[in-house]
C-alpha cells in the first residue's frame, strides 16, 4: 500500500552531531551578511533565513512529537543536549531548513548572473565534492556500505516516515503555493526562484545520499 509506514534511514553523523549543525547555521548567517554587505544592504536573505527557520521549527515540532521523525541522542561538541529541545529544534530548523534555502538563493543568484556564473558553479561543485563525494569515497574504501546498516537498530542516527499523512499534506500545500507563486510573479523573479529551487534540489539530493 502507498501509505504504509516506509522509513528513510540516515546513518550519518549529521543526525546527532549538533556541533556540525551549529557550524552550518553560522555559515547560513554569514551568507546573509555577505549578501547584505555586497548588494546594497538588501534584506532578502535575512527574510529567507527567518521564514525558513520559523517554518521548519513548526515542522520539526510536529514531526518529532508525533513520531514521524525519530532521532537518537544529540551532542553539541561532546555535551549531551538530547532533552534541550529549546536548542536542538531551532538548530535543526536552521541547519536543515533555512540553510538549504539560503544556500539555494545565494548560489542561485550568482549562477543566474552571467558575469559570475562560472565562478560560483565551480565553488558549488567544489563544496559538493568536499562535503559529500570525498567523504563518501573514503567511507566506501573503508568498507562502509548500505548493507552494513541495521535498519532496526535503535541507535540509527535518524529515521523518518516518508509517507506520513501530515508530511504529504504539508508538502502538497507548500508545493501548490510555490507553483502558484511562480506562475503569478514577474519573469525576473520567477527566474530567480527557479534557480533557487534548482540549487536547493542539487544540494538536498547530495545531502540525503551522503547521509
Protein backbone atom coordinates (compact mmCIF):
# COMPACT_ATOMS: atom_id res chain seq x y z
CA UNK A 1 0.00 0.00 0.00
CA UNK A 2 1.16 3.51 -0.80
CA UNK A 3 0.58 4.90 2.68
CA UNK A 4 2.14 2.12 4.74
CA UNK A 5 4.97 3.13 7.07
CA UNK A 6 8.14 3.34 4.98
CA UNK A 7 11.09 4.97 6.73
CA UNK A 8 14.07 6.82 5.31
CA UNK A 9 17.11 5.77 7.34
CA UNK A 10 20.09 8.07 7.73
CA UNK A 11 23.25 6.59 9.16
CA UNK A 12 25.42 9.71 9.00
CA UNK A 13 26.65 11.78 11.91
CA UNK A 14 24.55 14.79 10.98
CA UNK A 15 21.57 13.31 12.81
CA UNK A 16 23.20 13.59 16.23
CA UNK A 17 26.20 15.95 15.81
CA UNK A 18 24.76 19.34 16.72
CA UNK A 19 28.22 20.87 16.71
CA UNK A 20 28.21 20.46 12.95
CA UNK A 21 24.64 21.78 12.81
CA UNK A 22 25.84 24.88 14.65
CA UNK A 23 28.66 25.37 12.14
CA UNK A 24 26.21 25.01 9.24
CA UNK A 25 23.88 27.52 10.91
CA UNK A 26 26.73 30.02 11.24
CA UNK A 27 27.57 29.56 7.54
CA UNK A 28 23.96 30.43 6.65
CA UNK A 29 24.10 33.58 8.79
CA UNK A 30 27.45 34.59 7.26
CA UNK A 31 25.98 34.13 3.76
CA UNK A 32 23.16 36.51 4.72
CA UNK A 33 25.61 39.15 5.93
CA UNK A 34 27.86 38.67 2.88
CA UNK A 35 24.97 39.36 0.52
CA UNK A 36 23.75 42.26 2.68
CA UNK A 37 27.20 43.85 2.53
CA UNK A 38 27.80 43.28 -1.18
CA UNK A 39 24.31 44.04 -2.52
CA UNK A 40 23.31 47.47 -1.22
CA UNK A 41 22.27 46.12 2.18
CA UNK A 42 19.26 44.23 0.82
CA UNK A 43 17.45 42.08 3.37
CA UNK A 44 16.25 39.28 1.06
CA UNK A 45 18.47 36.64 2.58
CA UNK A 46 17.58 37.54 6.15
CA UNK A 47 13.89 37.12 5.28
CA UNK A 48 14.62 33.75 3.67
CA UNK A 49 16.59 32.74 6.77
CA UNK A 50 13.89 33.90 9.20
CA UNK A 51 10.90 32.42 7.38
CA UNK A 52 12.76 29.20 6.64
CA UNK A 53 13.68 28.83 10.30
CA UNK A 54 10.17 29.55 11.58
CA UNK A 55 8.52 27.14 9.13
CA UNK A 56 10.99 24.36 9.88
CA UNK A 57 10.64 24.85 13.64
CA UNK A 58 6.93 24.16 13.23
CA UNK A 59 7.65 21.14 11.01
CA UNK A 60 10.24 19.72 13.43
CA UNK A 61 7.95 20.11 16.44
CA UNK A 62 5.14 18.30 14.62
CA UNK A 63 7.41 15.52 13.28
CA UNK A 64 9.28 14.83 16.49
CA UNK A 65 6.35 14.91 18.89
CA UNK A 66 4.08 12.92 16.59
CA UNK A 67 6.69 10.21 16.00
CA UNK A 68 7.14 10.88 12.28
CA UNK A 69 10.84 11.57 12.88
CA UNK A 70 12.87 9.61 15.43
CA UNK A 71 16.34 10.76 16.50
CA UNK A 72 18.94 9.20 18.77
CA UNK A 73 20.86 11.13 21.44
CA UNK A 74 22.11 14.56 20.40
CA UNK A 75 25.51 16.04 21.16
CA UNK A 76 26.96 19.55 20.94
CA UNK A 77 30.76 19.23 20.94
CA UNK A 78 30.51 16.24 23.29
CA UNK A 79 27.79 17.68 25.53
CA UNK A 80 24.59 15.62 25.61
CA UNK A 81 21.75 18.03 24.73
CA UNK A 82 19.10 15.42 23.88
CA UNK A 83 16.38 16.97 26.06
CA UNK A 84 17.29 20.60 25.30
CA UNK A 85 14.51 21.00 22.76
CA UNK A 86 14.70 24.79 23.02
CA UNK A 87 18.17 24.50 21.42
CA UNK A 88 18.04 21.32 19.32
CA UNK A 89 14.87 22.14 17.38
CA UNK A 90 15.99 25.68 16.33
CA UNK A 91 19.41 24.31 15.34
CA UNK A 92 17.74 21.64 13.26
CA UNK A 93 15.43 24.20 11.70
CA UNK A 94 18.33 26.44 10.68
CA UNK A 95 20.77 23.74 9.56
CA UNK A 96 18.26 21.54 7.70
CA UNK A 97 15.73 24.12 6.51
CA UNK A 98 16.94 27.72 6.48
CA UNK A 99 20.48 26.72 5.45
CA UNK A 100 19.25 24.95 2.32
CA UNK A 101 17.03 27.92 1.41
CA UNK A 102 19.80 30.49 1.97
CA UNK A 103 22.38 28.43 0.06
CA UNK A 104 19.81 27.98 -2.71
CA UNK A 105 19.22 31.70 -3.16
CA UNK A 106 22.91 32.55 -2.54
CA UNK A 107 24.26 30.32 -5.32
CA UNK A 108 21.11 30.69 -7.42
CA UNK A 109 21.52 34.47 -7.61
CA UNK A 110 25.18 34.21 -8.55
CA UNK A 111 24.74 31.41 -11.08
CA UNK A 112 21.81 33.28 -12.65
CA UNK A 113 24.15 36.25 -13.24
CA UNK A 114 26.14 35.52 -16.42
CA UNK A 115 29.10 37.59 -15.15
CA UNK A 116 29.58 35.47 -12.03
CA UNK A 117 28.12 32.16 -13.26
CA UNK A 118 31.31 30.21 -13.97
CA UNK A 119 32.98 31.22 -10.72
CA UNK A 120 30.09 30.23 -8.49
CA UNK A 121 29.35 26.99 -10.37
CA UNK A 122 32.94 25.98 -9.62
CA UNK A 123 32.53 26.97 -5.95
CA UNK A 124 29.27 24.98 -5.69
CA UNK A 125 30.80 21.89 -7.31
CA UNK A 126 33.88 22.17 -5.09
CA UNK A 127 31.66 22.42 -2.00
CA UNK A 128 29.67 19.33 -3.01
CA UNK A 129 32.85 17.36 -3.73
CA UNK A 130 34.48 18.30 -0.40
CA UNK A 131 31.36 17.86 1.73
CA UNK A 132 29.74 14.81 0.16
CA UNK A 133 31.69 13.00 -2.55
CA UNK A 134 35.15 12.73 -0.95
CA UNK A 135 33.82 11.62 2.48
CA UNK A 136 31.64 9.02 0.73
CA UNK A 137 34.60 7.68 -1.26
CA UNK A 138 36.67 7.47 1.93
CA UNK A 139 33.93 5.62 3.82
CA UNK A 140 33.29 3.19 0.96
CA UNK A 141 37.03 2.49 0.74
CA UNK A 142 36.94 1.67 4.47
CA UNK A 143 34.21 -0.92 3.90
CA UNK A 144 31.10 1.09 4.75
CA UNK A 145 28.07 0.50 2.56
CA UNK A 146 24.30 0.45 2.77
CA UNK A 147 24.31 -3.28 3.56
CA UNK A 148 26.14 -2.50 6.83
CA UNK A 149 23.19 -0.53 8.17
CA UNK A 150 20.88 -2.43 10.51
CA UNK A 151 17.64 -0.57 9.82
CA UNK A 152 16.08 -1.95 13.00
CA UNK A 153 18.90 -0.74 15.23
CA UNK A 154 17.50 1.79 17.76
CA UNK A 155 20.84 3.65 17.58
CA UNK A 156 20.36 4.64 13.94
CA UNK A 157 21.01 8.42 13.99
CA UNK A 158 17.77 9.32 12.23
CA UNK A 159 14.72 7.70 10.68
CA UNK A 160 11.70 9.41 9.18
CA UNK A 161 8.38 8.11 7.93
CA UNK A 162 8.35 9.44 4.36
CA UNK A 163 4.67 8.67 3.68
CA UNK A 164 3.23 10.15 6.88
CA UNK A 165 -0.07 11.85 6.04
CA UNK A 166 0.98 15.08 7.76
CA UNK A 167 4.14 15.22 5.68
CA UNK A 168 2.29 14.64 2.41
CA UNK A 169 -0.30 17.29 3.25
CA UNK A 170 2.39 19.83 4.19
CA UNK A 171 4.39 19.16 1.03
CA UNK A 172 1.25 19.44 -1.10
CA UNK A 173 0.25 22.77 0.45
CA UNK A 174 3.66 24.41 0.13
CA UNK A 175 4.27 22.88 -3.29
CA UNK A 176 0.98 24.35 -4.51
CA UNK A 177 1.85 27.76 -3.04
CA UNK A 178 5.27 27.67 -4.76
CA UNK A 179 3.79 26.72 -8.15
CA UNK A 180 1.09 29.41 -7.95
CA UNK A 181 3.69 32.00 -6.94
CA UNK A 182 5.95 31.02 -9.85
CA UNK A 183 3.03 31.33 -12.26
CA UNK A 184 1.83 34.70 -10.99
CA UNK A 185 5.11 36.53 -10.33
CA UNK A 186 7.11 38.56 -12.88
CA UNK A 187 9.57 36.83 -15.22
CA UNK A 188 12.76 38.05 -13.49
CA UNK A 189 11.58 36.97 -10.05
CA UNK A 190 10.36 33.66 -11.49
CA UNK A 191 13.83 33.07 -12.95
CA UNK A 192 15.40 33.83 -9.58
CA UNK A 193 13.02 31.43 -7.84
CA UNK A 194 13.73 28.63 -10.31
CA UNK A 195 17.48 28.99 -9.81
CA UNK A 196 16.94 28.87 -6.04
CA UNK A 197 14.91 25.66 -6.39
CA UNK A 198 17.49 24.10 -8.73
CA UNK A 199 20.43 24.72 -6.38
CA UNK A 200 18.43 23.66 -3.30
CA UNK A 201 17.45 20.40 -5.04
CA UNK A 202 21.05 19.63 -6.04
CA UNK A 203 22.35 20.22 -2.52
CA UNK A 204 19.46 18.30 -0.93
CA UNK A 205 19.94 15.28 -3.18
CA UNK A 206 23.67 15.00 -2.46
CA UNK A 207 22.98 15.70 1.23
CA UNK A 208 20.43 12.89 1.50
CA UNK A 209 22.50 10.35 -0.44
CA UNK A 210 25.60 11.25 1.58
CA UNK A 211 23.84 10.84 4.92
